[in-house]
């Protein structure tokens, strides 16, 4: 019988704790959705305090850090991009939040929905990156691409509404 990869997660390990989205990635079912929701709430709290430029810098640094966090945690779990690893969802939803015209529940909900839609659907070329890159960068980049698709939709909706 194989060991459950989740049994290798140590929440006292700051790398694991961040990679599993402060524990949100351990919620079942749909850990990516729970991770995105946790990231959304954190983003909604931080963005108004930090402002767009500082929050964009935090998001970029979180992407770079996430490449390490996700790879190390995936290695420790023995599974590439395990569903509980949701730091990439945090970064993805933060990118979408950077494109909403204002931080409120309406636009934040839209950011959440469009990000989750593209993250789950993985339209071209996102699916290729997801399948071909088996490292921390690969874990992170498909969510960044999904966020870019989501940002395009958000900007489009802002123009239309």
C-alpha atoms as a PDB file:
ATOM      1  CA  UNK A   1       0.000   0.000   0.000  1.00  0.00           C
ATOM      2  CA  UNK A   2       1.381   3.406  -0.975  1.00  0.00           C
ATOM      3  CA  UNK A   3       1.707   6.196   1.509  1.00  0.00           C
ATOM      4  CA  UNK A   4      -0.733   9.076   1.110  1.00  0.00           C
ATOM      5  CA  UNK A   5       1.238  12.101  -0.214  1.00  0.00           C
ATOM      6  CA  UNK A   6      -0.664  14.341   2.221  1.00  0.00           C
ATOM      7  CA  UNK A   7       0.933  12.455   5.108  1.00  0.00           C
ATOM      8  CA  UNK A   8       4.242  14.016   4.025  1.00  0.00           C
ATOM      9  CA  UNK A   9       2.958  17.580   4.519  1.00  0.00           C
ATOM     10  CA  UNK A  10       4.166  19.298   7.675  1.00  0.00           C
ATOM     11  CA  UNK A  11       2.273  22.503   8.417  1.00  0.00           C
ATOM     12  CA  UNK A  12       5.035  23.523  10.832  1.00  0.00           C
ATOM     13  CA  UNK A  13       7.334  23.628   7.802  1.00  0.00           C
ATOM     14  CA  UNK A  14       6.903  27.176   6.403  1.00  0.00           C
ATOM     15  CA  UNK A  15       7.548  25.955   2.837  1.00  0.00           C
ATOM     16  CA  UNK A  16       4.740  23.400   3.067  1.00  0.00           C
ATOM     17  CA  UNK A  17       2.459  25.819   4.939  1.00  0.00           C
ATOM     18  CA  UNK A  18       2.755  28.446   2.207  1.00  0.00           C
ATOM     19  CA  UNK A  19       2.581  25.923  -0.660  1.00  0.00           C
ATOM     20  CA  UNK A  20      -0.722  24.543   0.640  1.00  0.00           C
ATOM     21  CA  UNK A  21      -2.108  28.071   0.880  1.00  0.00           C
ATOM     22  CA  UNK A  22      -1.953  28.439   4.676  1.00  0.00           C
ATOM     23  CA  UNK A  23      -3.822  25.138   4.895  1.00  0.00           C
ATOM     24  CA  UNK A  24      -6.608  26.018   2.425  1.00  0.00           C
ATOM     25  CA  UNK A  25      -5.314  23.456  -0.073  1.00  0.00           C
ATOM     26  CA  UNK A  26      -6.006  20.702   2.437  1.00  0.00           C
ATOM     27  CA  UNK A  27      -9.773  21.334   2.338  1.00  0.00           C
ATOM     28  CA  UNK A  28     -11.697  18.748   0.312  1.00  0.00           C
ATOM     29  CA  UNK A  29     -13.314  18.627  -2.165  1.00  0.00           C
ATOM     30  CA  UNK A  30     -11.921  21.119  -4.716  1.00  0.00           C
ATOM     31  CA  UNK A  31      -8.715  22.263  -2.976  1.00  0.00           C
ATOM     32  CA  UNK A  32      -7.891  24.619  -5.880  1.00  0.00           C
ATOM     33  CA  UNK A  33     -11.176  26.425  -5.370  1.00  0.00           C
ATOM     34  CA  UNK A  34     -10.604  26.719  -1.621  1.00  0.00           C
ATOM     35  CA  UNK A  35      -7.056  27.937  -2.261  1.00  0.00           C
ATOM     36  CA  UNK A  36      -8.344  30.504  -4.752  1.00  0.00           C
ATOM     37  CA  UNK A  37     -10.940  31.677  -2.224  1.00  0.00           C
ATOM     38  CA  UNK A  38      -8.310  32.058   0.504  1.00  0.00           C
ATOM     39  CA  UNK A  39      -6.074  33.938  -1.921  1.00  0.00           C
ATOM     40  CA  UNK A  40      -8.994  36.137  -2.952  1.00  0.00           C
ATOM     41  CA  UNK A  41      -9.772  37.119   0.634  1.00  0.00           C
ATOM     42  CA  UNK A  42      -6.115  37.869   1.381  1.00  0.00           C
ATOM     43  CA  UNK A  43      -5.831  39.866  -1.838  1.00  0.00           C
ATOM     44  CA  UNK A  44      -8.990  41.839  -1.079  1.00  0.00           C
ATOM     45  CA  UNK A  45      -7.499  42.773   2.290  1.00  0.00           C
ATOM     46  CA  UNK A  46      -3.988  43.604   1.068  1.00  0.00           C
ATOM     47  CA  UNK A  47      -4.605  45.366  -2.244  1.00  0.00           C
ATOM     48  CA  UNK A  48      -6.437  48.427  -0.835  1.00  0.00           C
ATOM     49  CA  UNK A  49      -3.775  48.836   1.860  1.00  0.00           C
ATOM     50  CA  UNK A  50      -0.771  48.311  -0.425  1.00  0.00           C
ATOM     51  CA  UNK A  51      -1.981  49.933  -3.637  1.00  0.00           C
ATOM     52  CA  UNK A  52      -1.636  48.474  -7.128  1.00  0.00           C
ATOM     53  CA  UNK A  53       2.114  48.927  -7.623  1.00  0.00           C
ATOM     54  CA  UNK A  54       3.163  47.430  -4.285  1.00  0.00           C
ATOM     55  CA  UNK A  55       0.627  44.616  -4.659  1.00  0.00           C
ATOM     56  CA  UNK A  56       1.895  43.890  -8.194  1.00  0.00           C
ATOM     57  CA  UNK A  57       5.447  43.671  -6.814  1.00  0.00           C
ATOM     58  CA  UNK A  58       4.242  41.355  -4.026  1.00  0.00           C
ATOM     59  CA  UNK A  59       2.490  39.207  -6.635  1.00  0.00           C
ATOM     60  CA  UNK A  60       5.614  39.007  -8.818  1.00  0.00           C
ATOM     61  CA  UNK A  61       7.767  38.103  -5.810  1.00  0.00           C
ATOM     62  CA  UNK A  62       5.150  35.530  -4.772  1.00  0.00           C
ATOM     63  CA  UNK A  63       5.402  33.989  -8.245  1.00  0.00           C
ATOM     64  CA  UNK A  64       9.192  33.692  -7.942  1.00  0.00           C
ATOM     65  CA  UNK A  65       8.944  32.322  -4.402  1.00  0.00           C
ATOM     66  CA  UNK A  66       6.151  30.003  -5.519  1.00  0.00           C
ATOM     67  CA  UNK A  67       8.405  28.315  -8.079  1.00  0.00           C
ATOM     68  CA  UNK A  68      10.556  27.170  -5.153  1.00  0.00           C
ATOM     69  CA  UNK A  69       7.726  26.494  -2.677  1.00  0.00           C
ATOM     70  CA  UNK A  70       5.718  24.386  -5.101  1.00  0.00           C
ATOM     71  CA  UNK A  71       8.713  22.407  -6.370  1.00  0.00           C
ATOM     72  CA  UNK A  72      10.039  21.669  -2.874  1.00  0.00           C
ATOM     73  CA  UNK A  73       6.618  20.634  -1.587  1.00  0.00           C
ATOM     74  CA  UNK A  74       5.919  18.504  -4.671  1.00  0.00           C
ATOM     75  CA  UNK A  75       9.307  16.805  -4.191  1.00  0.00           C
ATOM     76  CA  UNK A  76       8.601  16.215  -0.501  1.00  0.00           C
ATOM     77  CA  UNK A  77       5.170  14.760  -1.349  1.00  0.00           C
ATOM     78  CA  UNK A  78       6.556  12.663  -4.197  1.00  0.00           C
ATOM     79  CA  UNK A  79       3.800  13.926  -6.537  1.00  0.00           C
ATOM     80  CA  UNK A  80       4.090  16.621  -9.206  1.00  0.00           C
ATOM     81  CA  UNK A  81       1.507  19.393  -8.691  1.00  0.00           C
ATOM     82  CA  UNK A  82      -0.596  17.651  -6.065  1.00  0.00           C
ATOM     83  CA  UNK A  83      -4.035  19.249  -5.729  1.00  0.00           C
ATOM     84  CA  UNK A  84      -3.235  20.473  -2.219  1.00  0.00           C
ATOM     85  CA  UNK A  85      -0.461  22.732  -3.553  1.00  0.00           C
ATOM     86  CA  UNK A  86      -2.371  25.985  -4.082  1.00  0.00           C
ATOM     87  CA  UNK A  87       0.181  28.797  -3.814  1.00  0.00           C
ATOM     88  CA  UNK A  88      -0.188  29.052  -7.597  1.00  0.00           C
ATOM     89  CA  UNK A  89      -3.900  29.766  -7.122  1.00  0.00           C
ATOM     90  CA  UNK A  90      -3.060  32.583  -4.702  1.00  0.00           C
ATOM     91  CA  UNK A  91      -0.825  34.215  -7.305  1.00  0.00           C
ATOM     92  CA  UNK A  92      -3.334  33.637 -10.104  1.00  0.00           C
ATOM     93  CA  UNK A  93      -6.261  35.231  -8.318  1.00  0.00           C
ATOM     94  CA  UNK A  94      -4.018  38.115  -7.180  1.00  0.00           C
ATOM     95  CA  UNK A  95      -3.160  38.816 -10.824  1.00  0.00           C
ATOM     96  CA  UNK A  96      -6.868  38.945 -11.659  1.00  0.00           C
ATOM     97  CA  UNK A  97      -7.514  41.301  -8.737  1.00  0.00           C
ATOM     98  CA  UNK A  98      -4.950  43.706 -10.165  1.00  0.00           C
ATOM     99  CA  UNK A  99      -7.251  44.215 -13.159  1.00  0.00           C
ATOM    100  CA  UNK A 100     -10.564  44.825 -11.433  1.00  0.00           C
ATOM    101  CA  UNK A 101     -11.681  48.465 -11.559  1.00  0.00           C
ATOM    102  CA  UNK A 102     -12.347  48.484  -7.814  1.00  0.00           C
ATOM    103  CA  UNK A 103     -12.056  46.095  -4.905  1.00  0.00           C
ATOM    104  CA  UNK A 104     -15.586  45.163  -3.925  1.00  0.00           C
ATOM    105  CA  UNK A 105     -17.477  41.880  -3.671  1.00  0.00           C
ATOM    106  CA  UNK A 106     -18.924  42.209  -7.191  1.00  0.00           C
ATOM    107  CA  UNK A 107     -15.613  42.588  -9.033  1.00  0.00           C
ATOM    108  CA  UNK A 108     -13.796  40.236  -6.670  1.00  0.00           C
ATOM    109  CA  UNK A 109     -16.389  37.547  -7.370  1.00  0.00           C
ATOM    110  CA  UNK A 110     -15.893  38.075 -11.107  1.00  0.00           C
ATOM    111  CA  UNK A 111     -12.110  37.824 -10.679  1.00  0.00           C
ATOM    112  CA  UNK A 112     -12.551  34.585  -8.720  1.00  0.00           C
ATOM    113  CA  UNK A 113     -14.964  33.028 -11.244  1.00  0.00           C
ATOM    114  CA  UNK A 114     -13.007  33.889 -14.390  1.00  0.00           C
ATOM    115  CA  UNK A 115      -9.742  32.754 -12.837  1.00  0.00           C
ATOM    116  CA  UNK A 116     -11.237  29.426 -11.714  1.00  0.00           C
ATOM    117  CA  UNK A 117     -12.902  28.964 -15.124  1.00  0.00           C
ATOM    118  CA  UNK A 118      -9.634  29.289 -17.050  1.00  0.00           C
ATOM    119  CA  UNK A 119      -7.612  27.423 -14.420  1.00  0.00           C
ATOM    120  CA  UNK A 120      -9.959  24.435 -14.623  1.00  0.00           C
ATOM    121  CA  UNK A 121     -10.586  24.570 -18.383  1.00  0.00           C
ATOM    122  CA  UNK A 122      -6.924  25.164 -19.303  1.00  0.00           C
ATOM    123  CA  UNK A 123      -7.481  26.414 -22.867  1.00  0.00           C
ATOM    124  CA  UNK A 124      -4.643  26.521 -25.391  1.00  0.00           C
ATOM    125  CA  UNK A 125      -1.741  27.004 -24.645  1.00  0.00           C
ATOM    126  CA  UNK A 126      -2.237  26.640 -20.880  1.00  0.00           C
ATOM    127  CA  UNK A 127      -2.761  22.866 -21.067  1.00  0.00           C
ATOM    128  CA  UNK A 128       0.546  22.428 -22.928  1.00  0.00           C
ATOM    129  CA  UNK A 129       2.475  24.279 -20.219  1.00  0.00           C
ATOM    130  CA  UNK A 130       0.639  22.303 -17.539  1.00  0.00           C
ATOM    131  CA  UNK A 131       1.524  18.969 -19.147  1.00  0.00           C
ATOM    132  CA  UNK A 132       5.074  19.659 -20.361  1.00  0.00           C
ATOM    133  CA  UNK A 133       6.721  21.566 -17.512  1.00  0.00           C
ATOM    134  CA  UNK A 134       7.243  19.298 -14.533  1.00  0.00           C
ATOM    135  CA  UNK A 135       8.879  21.681 -12.101  1.00  0.00           C
ATOM    136  CA  UNK A 136       7.921  24.548  -9.810  1.00  0.00           C
ATOM    137  CA  UNK A 137       7.834  26.985 -12.720  1.00  0.00           C
ATOM    138  CA  UNK A 138       5.427  24.638 -14.512  1.00  0.00           C
ATOM    139  CA  UNK A 139       3.176  24.457 -11.452  1.00  0.00           C
ATOM    140  CA  UNK A 140       3.064  28.255 -11.304  1.00  0.00           C
ATOM    141  CA  UNK A 141       2.935  29.285 -14.975  1.00  0.00           C
ATOM    142  CA  UNK A 142      -0.339  27.595 -15.955  1.00  0.00           C
ATOM    143  CA  UNK A 143      -2.110  29.594 -13.242  1.00  0.00           C
ATOM    144  CA  UNK A 144      -0.438  32.811 -14.392  1.00  0.00           C
ATOM    145  CA  UNK A 145      -1.654  32.135 -17.936  1.00  0.00           C
ATOM    146  CA  UNK A 146      -5.165  31.379 -16.642  1.00  0.00           C
ATOM    147  CA  UNK A 147      -5.012  34.680 -14.747  1.00  0.00           C
ATOM    148  CA  UNK A 148      -3.987  36.533 -17.915  1.00  0.00           C
ATOM    149  CA  UNK A 149      -7.005  35.083 -19.721  1.00  0.00           C
ATOM    150  CA  UNK A 150      -9.126  36.098 -16.724  1.00  0.00           C
ATOM    151  CA  UNK A 151      -7.649  39.611 -16.746  1.00  0.00           C
ATOM    152  CA  UNK A 152      -8.602  39.991 -20.415  1.00  0.00           C
ATOM    153  CA  UNK A 153     -12.193  39.061 -19.568  1.00  0.00           C
ATOM    154  CA  UNK A 154     -12.229  41.460 -16.591  1.00  0.00           C
ATOM    155  CA  UNK A 155     -10.954  44.357 -18.715  1.00  0.00           C
ATOM    156  CA  UNK A 156     -13.489  43.493 -21.410  1.00  0.00           C
ATOM    157  CA  UNK A 157     -16.331  43.451 -18.892  1.00  0.00           C
ATOM    158  CA  UNK A 158     -15.168  46.749 -17.425  1.00  0.00           C
ATOM    159  CA  UNK A 159     -15.253  48.345 -20.896  1.00  0.00           C
ATOM    160  CA  UNK A 160     -18.695  46.902 -21.662  1.00  0.00           C
ATOM    161  CA  UNK A 161     -20.351  47.644 -18.317  1.00  0.00           C
END
